[in-house]
């Protein structure tokens, strides 16, 4: 891992995904809107599978949702390493999710623990 390393994933949430989320106990959302926890799950996926990947210990996530994400849109989530702390086995990452037109629908940062922190 190095400063500036990035990983991204694009996902289209369908109305059925939102219905499944609500059926599992999620709070109802306005029609056509992707629930915020589903957007957060994109970051969880990236951190646990792509960057840093397997063995990542998710310690903290701060996220704001400046605009709604729409069902049926191709949403692209990105994580980028902004700071490495090898002495503590920590990595800070910027987290951003954008709609196809570039609108930011989620933004924040994550702190993860990982044994393979480079300098």
Protein backbone atom coordinates (compact mmCIF):
# COMPACT_ATOMS: atom_id res chain seq x y z
CA UNK A 1 0.00 0.00 0.00
CA UNK A 2 1.10 3.49 -0.84
CA UNK A 3 -0.29 6.98 -0.47
CA UNK A 4 -2.66 7.69 -3.32
CA UNK A 5 -3.59 4.05 -3.99
CA UNK A 6 -7.25 3.83 -5.04
CA UNK A 7 -9.92 1.22 -5.53
CA UNK A 8 -13.38 1.67 -6.99
CA UNK A 9 -16.57 -0.21 -7.65
CA UNK A 10 -19.66 0.70 -9.66
CA UNK A 11 -23.07 -0.61 -8.63
CA UNK A 12 -26.62 -0.07 -9.81
CA UNK A 13 -29.19 -0.52 -7.05
CA UNK A 14 -32.61 -1.67 -8.23
CA UNK A 15 -35.98 -1.13 -6.57
CA UNK A 16 -35.81 -4.78 -5.46
CA UNK A 17 -32.54 -4.06 -3.58
CA UNK A 18 -34.26 -1.26 -1.66
CA UNK A 19 -37.29 -3.46 -0.96
CA UNK A 20 -34.99 -6.21 0.38
CA UNK A 21 -33.21 -3.67 2.60
CA UNK A 22 -36.51 -2.40 4.03
CA UNK A 23 -37.76 -5.98 4.52
CA UNK A 24 -34.64 -6.79 6.56
CA UNK A 25 -35.47 -4.03 9.00
CA UNK A 26 -34.18 -0.90 7.31
CA UNK A 27 -36.15 2.28 7.64
CA UNK A 28 -38.40 3.08 4.69
CA UNK A 29 -37.00 5.64 2.25
CA UNK A 30 -38.66 7.89 -0.30
CA UNK A 31 -39.48 6.12 -3.57
CA UNK A 32 -36.59 5.98 -6.01
CA UNK A 33 -33.90 6.77 -3.41
CA UNK A 34 -31.07 4.42 -2.38
CA UNK A 35 -30.83 4.11 1.42
CA UNK A 36 -27.65 5.59 2.89
CA UNK A 37 -26.55 2.29 4.53
CA UNK A 38 -26.42 0.65 1.10
CA UNK A 39 -24.00 3.37 -0.04
CA UNK A 40 -21.90 2.79 3.08
CA UNK A 41 -21.82 -0.91 2.22
CA UNK A 42 -19.97 -0.06 -1.00
CA UNK A 43 -17.13 1.38 1.08
CA UNK A 44 -17.15 -1.66 3.35
CA UNK A 45 -16.86 -3.91 0.31
CA UNK A 46 -13.93 -1.95 -1.10
CA UNK A 47 -12.04 -1.83 2.20
CA UNK A 48 -12.51 -5.53 2.91
CA UNK A 49 -11.99 -6.92 -0.57
CA UNK A 50 -9.96 -4.45 -2.65
CA UNK A 51 -7.97 -1.88 -0.65
CA UNK A 52 -6.48 -2.68 1.79
CA UNK A 53 -8.34 -6.00 1.36
CA UNK A 54 -8.47 -9.24 3.29
CA UNK A 55 -7.43 -8.83 6.93
CA UNK A 56 -8.58 -5.22 7.16
CA UNK A 57 -10.00 -4.19 10.52
CA UNK A 58 -12.60 -1.47 9.93
CA UNK A 59 -12.15 0.92 12.89
CA UNK A 60 -14.02 4.09 12.00
CA UNK A 61 -16.14 5.59 9.23
CA UNK A 62 -17.39 9.16 8.93
CA UNK A 63 -19.79 9.79 6.07
CA UNK A 64 -22.03 12.62 4.95
CA UNK A 65 -24.66 12.35 2.24
CA UNK A 66 -24.88 15.71 0.45
CA UNK A 67 -27.29 14.53 -2.28
CA UNK A 68 -29.66 11.61 -2.74
CA UNK A 69 -28.59 8.57 -4.74
CA UNK A 70 -31.21 7.39 -7.21
CA UNK A 71 -32.34 3.84 -7.83
CA UNK A 72 -31.23 2.68 -11.30
CA UNK A 73 -28.18 4.96 -11.52
CA UNK A 74 -24.65 3.57 -11.85
CA UNK A 75 -23.07 4.77 -8.59
CA UNK A 76 -19.29 4.70 -8.35
CA UNK A 77 -17.66 4.40 -4.92
CA UNK A 78 -13.95 5.11 -4.50
CA UNK A 79 -11.54 4.75 -1.57
CA UNK A 80 -8.11 6.40 -1.63
CA UNK A 81 -5.27 6.10 0.87
CA UNK A 82 -4.53 9.55 2.28
CA UNK A 83 -2.30 8.65 5.22
CA UNK A 84 -0.32 5.63 6.39
CA UNK A 85 0.81 5.10 9.98
CA UNK A 86 3.05 2.00 9.89
CA UNK A 87 4.00 2.34 13.56
CA UNK A 88 0.34 1.77 14.52
CA UNK A 89 -0.66 -0.41 11.55
CA UNK A 90 -3.24 2.17 10.46
CA UNK A 91 -4.39 3.59 7.15
CA UNK A 92 -6.67 6.60 6.58
CA UNK A 93 -8.73 6.63 3.42
CA UNK A 94 -10.94 9.18 1.70
CA UNK A 95 -14.31 7.72 0.69
CA UNK A 96 -16.44 9.17 -2.11
CA UNK A 97 -19.49 7.91 -4.01
CA UNK A 98 -20.66 9.71 -7.15
CA UNK A 99 -23.68 9.57 -9.41
CA UNK A 100 -23.10 9.28 -13.17
CA UNK A 101 -23.21 13.08 -13.62
CA UNK A 102 -20.45 13.51 -11.02
CA UNK A 103 -22.72 14.55 -8.16
CA UNK A 104 -21.27 13.47 -4.81
CA UNK A 105 -23.88 11.37 -3.00
CA UNK A 106 -21.60 10.24 -0.13
CA UNK A 107 -18.26 11.49 1.12
CA UNK A 108 -16.09 10.99 4.16
CA UNK A 109 -13.14 9.08 5.54
CA UNK A 110 -12.33 5.68 6.95
CA UNK A 111 -9.73 4.51 9.43
CA UNK A 112 -8.63 0.91 9.13
CA UNK A 113 -6.16 -1.33 10.89
CA UNK A 114 -4.05 -3.57 8.68
CA UNK A 115 -0.88 -5.54 9.31
CA UNK A 116 0.69 -4.79 5.90
CA UNK A 117 1.07 -0.99 6.10
CA UNK A 118 3.81 0.43 3.90
CA UNK A 119 5.60 3.67 4.54
